[in-house]
C-alpha cells in the first residue's frame, strides 16, 4: 500500500486538511467503487459532477478526498486535498500510484482526426514483426503484448491507462503505441505520462459538438505536442495545413513527412489499385496491401516513427510490405458475382471524401459505386449535411441510413443529412432507416463488378439505439447478404 503523500507527488496543491502520511488502498473517481481506505477524486464531468458524490464516497470508507471545492461537512479522520483541477490531479496521481509505468516503456502517442487507429495498430504490427514485445491502446482494443482487452474509449481514463501500462511494463513490453484523442487531451488523461514521441496525422471537421470551434479543436491537439519532453520526437504531416502548427511550441525533436511538400520522410505513389499500393519511400520501392492515398500517408507516418525509434530503413520497408489492413478500415472482399463490398469507419466528411476519392481513382467508371452512409446521434450535427453532400457528389447511388442513433430519432438525423444534397444529385439518393435493410437494398441494386461502400461504423460490432446496444457487424452482414443473393 502506498502513502497518500507519495501519490500526491508533483500535484499542485491549494490546501490539505488532515494528514498525508496515511496508507491508501485504491484510487477511484467513481464513488460507487470506493471502499475502505481508498482515495476518491471528484471530477467535474460533462454530465455529472463528482463533487455531488463526496458524501457517498465518504460513506463507502474513503480515507482521502481530492476535490476542487471542499464539501460543507468535513468528516474527522478523512484527509481533504484541494486542487485547482482534479482531472490534472487524477492523471498525475494515477501515474504515481502505478509507479510511473510509461517511463519504463517507449510510449508513442498518435493524434489527428483520421488515421489514429490505423497508424497505432500498424506500428504495433511492425514492431511485433521486428521481434519486440509491444503494447497497443486503440479505439478497437488494448493489447498487452499478445493479451487482448476490450477498449471502451479512444483514450481511456488516467487510471485505466496507467494500470494497463504497468501490466505492459511487468510483461517486458518495450514499445507502446497509443491513440490520443482530443477529448483525452482536453480532459488531461495524458498528463503524467512520459512520451518518447508523438505523431500528427491530419486535422479536419469532427467533434464540434464537444469543442466549440475548429480553432479550439486544433489547439487542443496542439497541446499534446506542447507538452512533449525534449527527449521525444514530434512527427507531423506537413501536407496538412495544420501540420506545422503542431510543432510551433514543442520542445521535442521536430520532424515531418509528406507526399507533396519537402519533408524528412518523403513518399511517392507509383501504383494505386484495389489489391494494394506501390510506393517509393526515401528512394526505395515498397509494395503494401493497404489501399488509397490516405493509407500512403499512414504508411509514411509509420515509416517515420519507426525510423525515429531507431529501426533500420531496409528492415522497416520489409515489414511495411507485410502489414495487413486494420479491422473496419477499407476492409473489403469480392463476392462470387464479382461485386466488391468495402467497409470503412469513415465517419467524418474528410474521411468519407478520402475513401470515395480513392475508390473513384481506382474504378474504371463502368461500374456503379453505391454508398450506404449514416451519421451518429447525440454528436456533431454540423457534419451531417456535409457528409451527405460528399456521398451524393462522389457516388452513383447513395442510401442514407442509421448509424448509431443513440437517443436521437434516426429519421431526424437522416433529414439533417438530406439538407446537404444538391438539386442535381438528389435523384441519386434514397433513405432507408433500418441499416440492415439499407445494406440489403445496396446489394440488390448492385450488379456484376459494381462497388458497394458501407461507411461510418467500420470495426464496430454493435448498433446503439436509445441506450441499448445490439449486435451489428457491417462486414458480416454485407458478406452474408451477397452470399445469399449470389447474383
Protein backbone atom coordinates (compact mmCIF):
# COMPACT_ATOMS: atom_id res chain seq x y z
CA UNK A 1 0.00 0.00 0.00
CA UNK A 2 1.25 3.48 -0.90
CA UNK A 3 1.08 6.55 1.27
CA UNK A 4 -1.07 9.49 0.19
CA UNK A 5 1.91 11.87 0.22
CA UNK A 6 3.68 9.70 -2.40
CA UNK A 7 0.61 9.60 -4.64
CA UNK A 8 0.34 13.42 -4.44
CA UNK A 9 3.94 13.94 -5.68
CA UNK A 10 4.05 16.73 -8.32
CA UNK A 11 0.32 17.58 -7.86
CA UNK A 12 -0.31 21.33 -7.47
CA UNK A 13 -1.98 21.57 -4.06
CA UNK A 14 -4.02 24.53 -2.81
CA UNK A 15 -4.72 23.22 0.70
CA UNK A 16 -4.67 20.00 2.70
CA UNK A 17 -6.96 19.29 5.65
CA UNK A 18 -5.69 16.28 7.63
CA UNK A 19 -2.57 14.16 7.28
CA UNK A 20 -0.94 12.80 4.12
CA UNK A 21 1.03 10.04 5.88
CA UNK A 22 -1.88 7.64 5.50
CA UNK A 23 -1.88 4.31 3.67
CA UNK A 24 -4.04 4.17 0.54
CA UNK A 25 -5.61 1.00 -0.82
CA UNK A 26 -7.03 2.08 -4.21
CA UNK A 27 -7.90 5.22 -6.21
CA UNK A 28 -11.31 5.94 -7.78
CA UNK A 29 -13.23 8.75 -9.47
CA UNK A 30 -16.47 6.71 -9.36
CA UNK A 31 -17.90 6.97 -5.83
CA UNK A 32 -19.73 3.63 -6.23
CA UNK A 33 -16.40 1.78 -6.38
CA UNK A 34 -14.96 3.33 -3.21
CA UNK A 35 -14.26 1.01 -0.27
CA UNK A 36 -12.21 1.15 2.93
CA UNK A 37 -9.02 3.28 2.78
CA UNK A 38 -9.49 4.34 -0.86
CA UNK A 39 -8.92 7.82 -2.33
CA UNK A 40 -11.84 9.46 -4.14
CA UNK A 41 -11.08 12.12 -6.77
CA UNK A 42 -14.10 14.34 -7.52
CA UNK A 43 -14.15 15.04 -11.28
CA UNK A 44 -16.42 17.61 -12.92
CA UNK A 45 -17.68 15.68 -15.96
CA UNK A 46 -19.81 16.75 -18.90
CA UNK A 47 -22.89 15.04 -17.42
CA UNK A 48 -22.27 14.63 -13.66
CA UNK A 49 -20.12 16.38 -11.06
CA UNK A 50 -18.14 14.09 -8.76
CA UNK A 51 -18.35 16.75 -6.02
CA UNK A 52 -22.03 15.78 -5.61
CA UNK A 53 -20.91 12.27 -4.61
CA UNK A 54 -18.30 13.07 -1.96
CA UNK A 55 -20.70 12.01 0.83
CA UNK A 56 -21.27 8.68 -0.92
CA UNK A 57 -17.50 8.13 -1.17
CA UNK A 58 -17.09 9.04 2.49
CA UNK A 59 -19.80 6.56 3.47
CA UNK A 60 -18.02 3.93 1.37
CA UNK A 61 -14.89 4.20 3.53
CA UNK A 62 -12.71 6.77 1.70
CA UNK A 63 -9.55 7.73 3.59
CA UNK A 64 -8.99 10.84 1.43
CA UNK A 65 -10.96 13.14 -0.86
CA UNK A 66 -9.35 15.14 -3.67
CA UNK A 67 -11.59 17.99 -4.80
CA UNK A 68 -11.72 21.50 -6.26
CA UNK A 69 -14.18 22.67 -3.59
CA UNK A 70 -14.50 21.37 -0.03
CA UNK A 71 -17.83 19.80 0.96
CA UNK A 72 -19.96 21.61 3.55
CA UNK A 73 -19.47 18.82 6.07
CA UNK A 74 -15.88 17.85 6.97
CA UNK A 75 -15.59 14.37 8.47
CA UNK A 76 -12.94 13.74 11.12
CA UNK A 77 -10.31 11.18 10.17
CA UNK A 78 -10.57 11.90 6.44
CA UNK A 79 -7.93 13.93 4.57
CA UNK A 80 -9.25 16.57 2.17
CA UNK A 81 -6.95 17.75 -0.61
CA UNK A 82 -7.95 20.90 -2.52
CA UNK A 83 -6.60 21.44 -6.05
CA UNK A 84 -7.44 23.76 -8.95
CA UNK A 85 -8.02 20.93 -11.43
CA UNK A 86 -8.98 17.42 -10.32
CA UNK A 87 -8.63 15.99 -13.86
CA UNK A 88 -4.97 17.02 -13.93
CA UNK A 89 -4.52 15.80 -10.33
CA UNK A 90 -6.07 12.41 -11.19
CA UNK A 91 -3.67 11.93 -14.13
CA UNK A 92 -0.55 12.71 -12.06
CA UNK A 93 -1.80 10.68 -9.07
CA UNK A 94 -2.63 7.70 -11.30
CA UNK A 95 0.89 7.73 -12.76
CA UNK A 96 2.39 7.89 -9.24
CA UNK A 97 0.06 5.19 -7.90
CA UNK A 98 1.14 2.73 -10.61
CA UNK A 99 4.84 3.66 -10.33
CA UNK A 100 5.00 5.87 -13.46
CA UNK A 101 4.93 2.90 -15.85
CA UNK A 102 5.15 5.00 -19.03
CA UNK A 103 8.74 5.76 -18.05
CA UNK A 104 9.52 2.06 -18.31
CA UNK A 105 8.27 1.94 -21.93
CA UNK A 106 8.94 3.84 -25.13
CA UNK A 107 5.46 5.38 -25.42
CA UNK A 108 4.36 6.97 -28.71
CA UNK A 109 1.09 8.90 -28.98
CA UNK A 110 -0.77 9.22 -32.30
CA UNK A 111 -3.24 12.08 -32.71
CA UNK A 112 -5.25 13.63 -35.55
CA UNK A 113 -8.78 13.41 -36.93
CA UNK A 114 -8.31 10.38 -39.17
CA UNK A 115 -5.73 7.59 -39.18
CA UNK A 116 -5.05 7.29 -35.43
CA UNK A 117 -6.21 3.67 -35.18
CA UNK A 118 -4.51 2.61 -38.41
CA UNK A 119 -1.15 4.22 -37.58
CA UNK A 120 -1.01 2.99 -33.97
CA UNK A 121 -2.19 -0.54 -34.87
CA UNK A 122 0.21 -0.89 -37.80
CA UNK A 123 3.09 0.36 -35.64
CA UNK A 124 2.15 -2.38 -33.17
CA UNK A 125 2.18 -4.95 -36.03
CA UNK A 126 5.51 -3.68 -37.39
CA UNK A 127 7.34 -3.75 -34.06
CA UNK A 128 5.94 -7.23 -33.33
CA UNK A 129 7.39 -8.38 -36.66
CA UNK A 130 10.70 -6.81 -35.64
CA UNK A 131 10.74 -9.13 -32.63
CA UNK A 132 9.80 -6.75 -29.82
CA UNK A 133 7.21 -7.08 -27.07
CA UNK A 134 4.69 -4.35 -27.84
CA UNK A 135 1.65 -2.65 -26.29
CA UNK A 136 -1.31 -1.01 -28.04
CA UNK A 137 -4.02 1.31 -26.73
CA UNK A 138 -6.53 1.93 -29.54
CA UNK A 139 -10.21 2.56 -30.21
CA UNK A 140 -10.57 -1.08 -31.22
CA UNK A 141 -8.65 -2.85 -28.45
CA UNK A 142 -5.91 -2.78 -25.84
CA UNK A 143 -3.04 -5.22 -26.29
CA UNK A 144 -0.52 -6.09 -23.60
CA UNK A 145 1.89 -7.79 -25.99
CA UNK A 146 -0.43 -10.56 -27.26
CA UNK A 147 -3.03 -10.45 -24.46
CA UNK A 148 -6.14 -8.61 -25.71
CA UNK A 149 -8.55 -6.45 -23.68
CA UNK A 150 -11.67 -4.63 -24.83
CA UNK A 151 -11.39 -0.86 -25.38
CA UNK A 152 -14.21 1.45 -24.27
CA UNK A 153 -12.79 4.89 -25.19
CA UNK A 154 -10.28 6.16 -27.75
CA UNK A 155 -8.15 7.43 -24.87
CA UNK A 156 -9.14 5.63 -21.63
CA UNK A 157 -9.25 7.39 -18.24
CA UNK A 158 -5.93 8.03 -16.47
CA UNK A 159 -6.29 5.14 -14.01
CA UNK A 160 -7.03 2.66 -16.81
CA UNK A 161 -4.15 3.95 -18.95
CA UNK A 162 -1.62 3.63 -16.14
CA UNK A 163 -2.96 0.26 -14.95
CA UNK A 164 -2.51 -1.26 -18.42
CA UNK A 165 0.90 0.34 -18.82
CA UNK A 166 2.01 -1.17 -15.52
CA UNK A 167 0.83 -4.55 -16.88
CA UNK A 168 2.83 -3.87 -20.07
CA UNK A 169 5.99 -2.98 -18.17
CA UNK A 170 5.60 -6.10 -15.99
CA UNK A 171 5.23 -8.22 -19.15
CA UNK A 172 8.50 -6.86 -20.58
CA UNK A 173 6.86 -4.63 -23.22
CA UNK A 174 9.41 -2.22 -24.75
CA UNK A 175 7.21 -0.07 -27.04
CA UNK A 176 3.61 1.11 -26.61
CA UNK A 177 1.57 2.86 -29.31
CA UNK A 178 -1.41 4.85 -28.10
CA UNK A 179 -4.24 6.71 -29.80
CA UNK A 180 -4.55 10.17 -28.28
CA UNK A 181 -7.95 11.79 -28.82
CA UNK A 182 -8.82 15.47 -28.45
CA UNK A 183 -11.24 14.50 -25.65
CA UNK A 184 -8.41 12.67 -23.86
CA UNK A 185 -6.06 15.67 -24.17
CA UNK A 186 -8.73 18.16 -23.07
CA UNK A 187 -9.66 16.02 -20.07
CA UNK A 188 -5.97 15.76 -19.05
CA UNK A 189 -5.91 11.95 -19.40
CA UNK A 190 -2.41 12.03 -20.92
CA UNK A 191 -0.87 14.20 -18.19
CA UNK A 192 1.70 12.42 -16.09
CA UNK A 193 2.66 10.15 -19.00
CA UNK A 194 6.21 10.18 -20.36
CA UNK A 195 6.12 10.08 -24.17
CA UNK A 196 9.04 9.07 -26.36
CA UNK A 197 7.29 10.50 -29.41
CA UNK A 198 4.15 11.97 -30.92
CA UNK A 199 2.69 11.60 -34.42
CA UNK A 200 0.20 14.00 -36.08
CA UNK A 201 -1.85 12.55 -38.95
CA UNK A 202 -4.24 15.29 -40.14
CA UNK A 203 -6.97 17.63 -38.95
CA UNK A 204 -10.48 18.01 -40.34
CA UNK A 205 -14.05 18.58 -39.24
CA UNK A 206 -15.00 16.48 -36.17
CA UNK A 207 -16.11 16.68 -32.52
CA UNK A 208 -17.52 20.21 -32.82
CA UNK A 209 -20.31 19.04 -30.50
CA UNK A 210 -17.61 18.91 -27.79
CA UNK A 211 -15.12 21.57 -28.88
CA UNK A 212 -16.81 24.91 -29.50
CA UNK A 213 -14.89 25.74 -32.70
CA UNK A 214 -12.43 24.25 -35.15
CA UNK A 215 -9.72 26.54 -33.73
CA UNK A 216 -10.30 25.14 -30.23
CA UNK A 217 -10.22 21.57 -31.60
CA UNK A 218 -6.90 22.32 -33.35
CA UNK A 219 -5.39 23.99 -30.28
CA UNK A 220 -6.30 21.05 -28.04
CA UNK A 221 -4.47 18.70 -30.43
CA UNK A 222 -1.50 21.09 -30.36
CA UNK A 223 -1.36 20.89 -26.53
CA UNK A 224 -0.23 17.28 -26.83
CA UNK A 225 2.88 18.37 -28.77
CA UNK A 226 3.43 21.40 -26.50
CA UNK A 227 3.86 19.01 -23.56
CA UNK A 228 6.24 16.52 -25.22
CA UNK A 229 9.64 16.38 -23.47
CA UNK A 230 12.88 17.45 -25.15
CA UNK A 231 13.94 13.79 -25.37
CA UNK A 232 10.92 12.89 -27.57
CA UNK A 233 10.30 13.29 -31.30
CA UNK A 234 7.35 15.16 -32.84
CA UNK A 235 6.50 13.80 -36.29
CA UNK A 236 3.96 15.78 -38.32
CA UNK A 237 2.23 15.63 -41.71
CA UNK A 238 3.30 18.86 -43.44
CA UNK A 239 0.91 18.29 -46.35
CA UNK A 240 -1.86 19.10 -43.84
CA UNK A 241 -2.30 22.86 -43.43
CA UNK A 242 -2.23 22.45 -39.64
CA UNK A 243 0.81 20.17 -39.62
CA UNK A 244 3.38 22.85 -38.81
CA UNK A 245 1.06 24.45 -36.22
CA UNK A 246 1.52 21.32 -34.09
CA UNK A 247 5.29 21.92 -33.89
CA UNK A 248 5.22 25.65 -33.04
CA UNK A 249 5.86 25.33 -29.30
CA UNK A 250 7.14 21.80 -28.89
CA UNK A 251 10.46 21.09 -27.15
CA UNK A 252 10.67 17.71 -28.89
CA UNK A 253 12.80 16.96 -31.94
CA UNK A 254 10.82 18.28 -34.94
CA UNK A 255 10.45 16.03 -37.99
CA UNK A 256 7.99 15.82 -40.87
CA UNK A 257 6.56 13.52 -43.52
CA UNK A 258 4.81 14.36 -46.80
CA UNK A 259 3.80 13.19 -50.26
CA UNK A 260 3.73 16.71 -51.76
CA UNK A 261 6.00 19.01 -49.74
CA UNK A 262 9.62 18.94 -48.63
CA UNK A 263 9.99 16.70 -45.57
CA UNK A 264 12.37 14.43 -43.65
CA UNK A 265 10.37 11.40 -44.83
CA UNK A 266 9.04 11.52 -48.40
CA UNK A 267 6.94 9.13 -50.47
CA UNK A 268 5.51 8.93 -53.96
CA UNK A 269 2.55 6.80 -55.08
CA UNK A 270 3.62 4.75 -58.13
CA UNK A 271 0.54 2.49 -58.32
CA UNK A 272 -2.82 2.58 -56.54
CA UNK A 273 -5.02 -0.50 -57.11
CA UNK A 274 -7.64 -2.48 -55.18
CA UNK A 275 -5.00 -5.06 -54.36
CA UNK A 276 -2.58 -2.51 -52.90
CA UNK A 277 -0.18 0.41 -53.24
CA UNK A 278 3.26 0.63 -54.83
CA UNK A 279 5.17 3.41 -53.08
CA UNK A 280 8.59 4.93 -53.39
CA UNK A 281 9.68 5.82 -49.84
CA UNK A 282 13.03 7.60 -49.48
CA UNK A 283 14.02 6.39 -52.99
CA UNK A 284 13.17 2.73 -52.25
CA UNK A 285 10.14 0.98 -53.77
CA UNK A 286 7.81 -0.92 -51.45
CA UNK A 287 4.54 -2.76 -52.09
CA UNK A 288 1.75 -2.60 -49.49
CA UNK A 289 -1.56 -4.43 -49.28
CA UNK A 290 -3.16 -1.23 -47.97
CA UNK A 291 -5.14 0.88 -50.43
CA UNK A 292 -5.52 4.59 -51.21
CA UNK A 293 -3.57 7.82 -50.85
CA UNK A 294 -4.74 8.24 -47.24
CA UNK A 295 -3.01 4.95 -46.44
CA UNK A 296 0.12 6.17 -48.23
CA UNK A 297 0.19 8.91 -45.57
CA UNK A 298 -0.43 6.37 -42.81
CA UNK A 299 2.39 4.13 -44.05
CA UNK A 300 4.75 7.09 -44.30
CA UNK A 301 3.89 8.10 -40.71
CA UNK A 302 4.66 4.54 -39.60
CA UNK A 303 7.94 4.56 -41.52
CA UNK A 304 8.99 7.91 -39.99
CA UNK A 305 8.06 6.87 -36.44
CA UNK A 306 9.87 3.54 -36.74
CA UNK A 307 13.00 5.27 -38.07
CA UNK A 308 12.86 7.83 -35.23
CA UNK A 309 12.63 4.93 -32.78
CA UNK A 310 15.87 3.51 -34.18
CA UNK A 311 14.80 0.78 -36.62
CA UNK A 312 16.81 0.16 -39.79
CA UNK A 313 15.43 1.59 -43.07
CA UNK A 314 15.52 -1.65 -45.09
CA UNK A 315 14.10 -3.61 -42.16
CA UNK A 316 11.18 -1.14 -41.79
CA UNK A 317 10.37 -1.24 -45.52
CA UNK A 318 10.34 -5.05 -45.46
CA UNK A 319 7.91 -5.10 -42.54
CA UNK A 320 5.69 -2.46 -44.20
CA UNK A 321 5.28 -4.81 -47.18
CA UNK A 322 3.96 -7.49 -44.76
CA UNK A 323 1.44 -5.31 -42.88
CA UNK A 324 -2.27 -6.15 -43.08
CA UNK A 325 -5.18 -3.69 -43.05
CA UNK A 326 -6.86 -2.83 -39.76
CA UNK A 327 -10.35 -4.15 -38.99
CA UNK A 328 -13.02 -1.84 -40.42
CA UNK A 329 -10.52 0.36 -42.27
CA UNK A 330 -11.05 -0.12 -46.02
CA UNK A 331 -11.83 -3.77 -45.30
CA UNK A 332 -13.15 -5.37 -48.48
CA UNK A 333 -13.99 -8.60 -50.23
CA UNK A 334 -15.19 -9.59 -53.71
CA UNK A 335 -18.28 -11.79 -53.93
CA UNK A 336 -18.64 -14.77 -56.28
CA UNK A 337 -20.65 -12.46 -58.56
CA UNK A 338 -17.68 -10.04 -58.69
CA UNK A 339 -19.34 -7.35 -56.56
CA UNK A 340 -16.77 -5.53 -54.40
CA UNK A 341 -18.01 -4.63 -50.90
CA UNK A 342 -15.94 -2.19 -48.81
CA UNK A 343 -16.50 -1.48 -45.11
CA UNK A 344 -14.84 1.64 -43.69
CA UNK A 345 -15.00 3.57 -40.42
CA UNK A 346 -15.22 6.90 -42.31
CA UNK A 347 -17.44 8.97 -40.01
CA UNK A 348 -16.15 12.47 -40.76
CA UNK A 349 -16.57 14.48 -44.00
CA UNK A 350 -12.84 14.33 -44.75
CA UNK A 351 -12.54 10.58 -44.14
CA UNK A 352 -15.59 9.85 -46.32
CA UNK A 353 -14.19 12.07 -49.09
CA UNK A 354 -10.81 10.26 -48.90
CA UNK A 355 -12.40 6.82 -49.19
CA UNK A 356 -14.73 7.77 -52.05
CA UNK A 357 -11.95 9.57 -53.97
CA UNK A 358 -9.73 6.52 -53.52
CA UNK A 359 -12.42 4.21 -54.93
CA UNK A 360 -13.07 6.59 -57.82
CA UNK A 361 -9.36 6.84 -58.63
CA UNK A 362 -9.19 3.03 -58.96
CA UNK A 363 -12.51 2.11 -60.62
CA UNK A 364 -12.94 2.25 -64.40
CA UNK A 365 -16.21 4.28 -64.19
CA UNK A 366 -18.10 1.47 -65.96
CA UNK A 367 -19.26 0.23 -62.54
CA UNK A 368 -21.78 1.69 -60.14
CA UNK A 369 -20.49 2.99 -56.81
CA UNK A 370 -23.27 2.52 -54.26
CA UNK A 371 -22.66 4.15 -50.88
CA UNK A 372 -24.52 3.33 -47.66
CA UNK A 373 -23.91 6.00 -45.03
CA UNK A 374 -25.38 7.42 -41.84
CA UNK A 375 -24.39 9.80 -39.04
CA UNK A 376 -24.30 9.15 -35.31
CA UNK A 377 -26.89 10.55 -32.92
CA UNK A 378 -26.04 12.87 -30.00
CA UNK A 379 -22.91 14.00 -31.85
CA UNK A 380 -21.78 16.92 -34.03
CA UNK A 381 -24.83 17.80 -36.18
CA UNK A 382 -22.99 20.22 -38.45
CA UNK A 383 -21.16 17.43 -40.28
CA UNK A 384 -24.37 15.63 -41.34
CA UNK A 385 -25.23 17.74 -44.43
CA UNK A 386 -21.53 17.87 -45.39
CA UNK A 387 -21.22 14.08 -45.36
CA UNK A 388 -24.42 13.70 -47.40
CA UNK A 389 -23.17 16.25 -49.92
CA UNK A 390 -19.85 14.41 -50.33
CA UNK A 391 -21.51 10.97 -50.59
CA UNK A 392 -24.03 12.10 -53.22
CA UNK A 393 -21.41 14.00 -55.27
CA UNK A 394 -18.88 11.16 -55.37
CA UNK A 395 -21.18 8.11 -55.71
CA UNK A 396 -23.51 6.92 -58.45
CA UNK A 397 -26.15 5.91 -55.88
CA UNK A 398 -26.45 6.73 -52.14
CA UNK A 399 -28.58 5.20 -49.41
CA UNK A 400 -28.88 7.31 -46.25
CA UNK A 401 -29.49 5.19 -43.17
CA UNK A 402 -28.97 4.91 -39.41
CA UNK A 403 -25.51 4.72 -37.85
CA UNK A 404 -25.70 4.71 -34.03
CA UNK A 405 -28.79 6.90 -33.44
CA UNK A 406 -28.26 6.72 -29.67
CA UNK A 407 -31.08 8.83 -28.12
CA UNK A 408 -31.95 10.76 -31.31
CA UNK A 409 -34.72 9.98 -33.80
CA UNK A 410 -32.94 8.28 -36.74
CA UNK A 411 -35.42 9.84 -39.20
CA UNK A 412 -34.48 13.33 -37.94
CA UNK A 413 -30.75 12.53 -38.37
CA UNK A 414 -31.35 11.44 -41.98
CA UNK A 415 -33.38 14.61 -42.61
CA UNK A 416 -30.39 16.66 -41.39
CA UNK A 417 -28.20 14.79 -43.87
CA UNK A 418 -30.61 15.27 -46.79
CA UNK A 419 -30.34 19.07 -46.42
CA UNK A 420 -26.80 18.85 -47.76
CA UNK A 421 -27.72 17.15 -51.07
CA UNK A 422 -27.60 19.49 -54.08
CA UNK A 423 -30.52 19.50 -56.54
CA UNK A 424 -28.57 17.76 -59.32
CA UNK A 425 -27.62 14.87 -57.03
CA UNK A 426 -30.95 14.38 -55.28
CA UNK A 427 -32.16 11.75 -57.77
CA UNK A 428 -29.17 9.54 -56.84
CA UNK A 429 -30.29 9.27 -53.21
CA UNK A 430 -32.78 7.27 -51.17
CA UNK A 431 -33.33 6.92 -47.42
CA UNK A 432 -33.86 3.64 -45.55
CA UNK A 433 -33.85 3.99 -41.76
CA UNK A 434 -33.15 0.32 -40.99
CA UNK A 435 -29.39 -0.18 -41.55
CA UNK A 436 -29.61 -3.88 -42.39
CA UNK A 437 -32.36 -3.20 -44.93
CA UNK A 438 -30.26 -0.38 -46.41
CA UNK A 439 -27.29 -2.74 -46.85
CA UNK A 440 -29.57 -5.39 -48.36
CA UNK A 441 -31.01 -2.85 -50.82
CA UNK A 442 -27.49 -1.80 -51.87
CA UNK A 443 -26.67 -5.46 -52.53
CA UNK A 444 -29.86 -5.89 -54.56
CA UNK A 445 -29.08 -2.79 -56.62
CA UNK A 446 -25.51 -3.89 -57.30
CA UNK A 447 -24.64 -5.75 -60.47
CA UNK A 448 -21.58 -7.62 -61.71
CA UNK A 449 -18.37 -5.62 -60.97
CA UNK A 450 -20.21 -2.86 -59.06
CA UNK A 451 -18.78 -1.47 -55.82
CA UNK A 452 -20.61 -1.06 -52.51
CA UNK A 453 -19.19 1.19 -49.78
CA UNK A 454 -20.65 0.86 -46.28
CA UNK A 455 -19.32 3.79 -44.28
CA UNK A 456 -19.41 5.02 -40.71
CA UNK A 457 -19.20 2.06 -38.33
CA UNK A 458 -16.21 0.10 -39.58
CA UNK A 459 -14.87 -2.14 -36.79
CA UNK A 460 -17.90 -1.63 -34.51
CA UNK A 461 -19.87 -4.82 -33.92
CA UNK A 462 -22.94 -3.16 -32.41
CA UNK A 463 -25.62 -0.58 -33.09
CA UNK A 464 -26.76 1.73 -30.29
CA UNK A 465 -30.42 2.78 -30.20
CA UNK A 466 -31.94 4.51 -27.15
CA UNK A 467 -29.07 3.43 -24.91
CA UNK A 468 -29.34 -0.23 -25.93
CA UNK A 469 -26.54 -1.90 -27.89
CA UNK A 470 -27.43 -4.82 -30.14
CA UNK A 471 -25.16 -6.98 -32.31
CA UNK A 472 -24.45 -5.38 -35.68
CA UNK A 473 -21.40 -6.00 -37.86
CA UNK A 474 -21.41 -4.28 -41.29
CA UNK A 475 -18.77 -6.62 -42.72
CA UNK A 476 -20.53 -9.83 -41.64
CA UNK A 477 -23.94 -8.57 -42.77
CA UNK A 478 -22.90 -7.48 -46.27
CA UNK A 479 -20.93 -10.69 -46.82
CA UNK A 480 -23.88 -12.81 -45.68
CA UNK A 481 -26.37 -10.93 -47.89
CA UNK A 482 -24.17 -11.09 -51.01
CA UNK A 483 -23.58 -14.81 -50.48
CA UNK A 484 -27.35 -15.36 -50.16
CA UNK A 485 -28.14 -13.34 -53.28
CA UNK A 486 -25.24 -14.90 -55.21
CA UNK A 487 -26.11 -12.94 -58.32
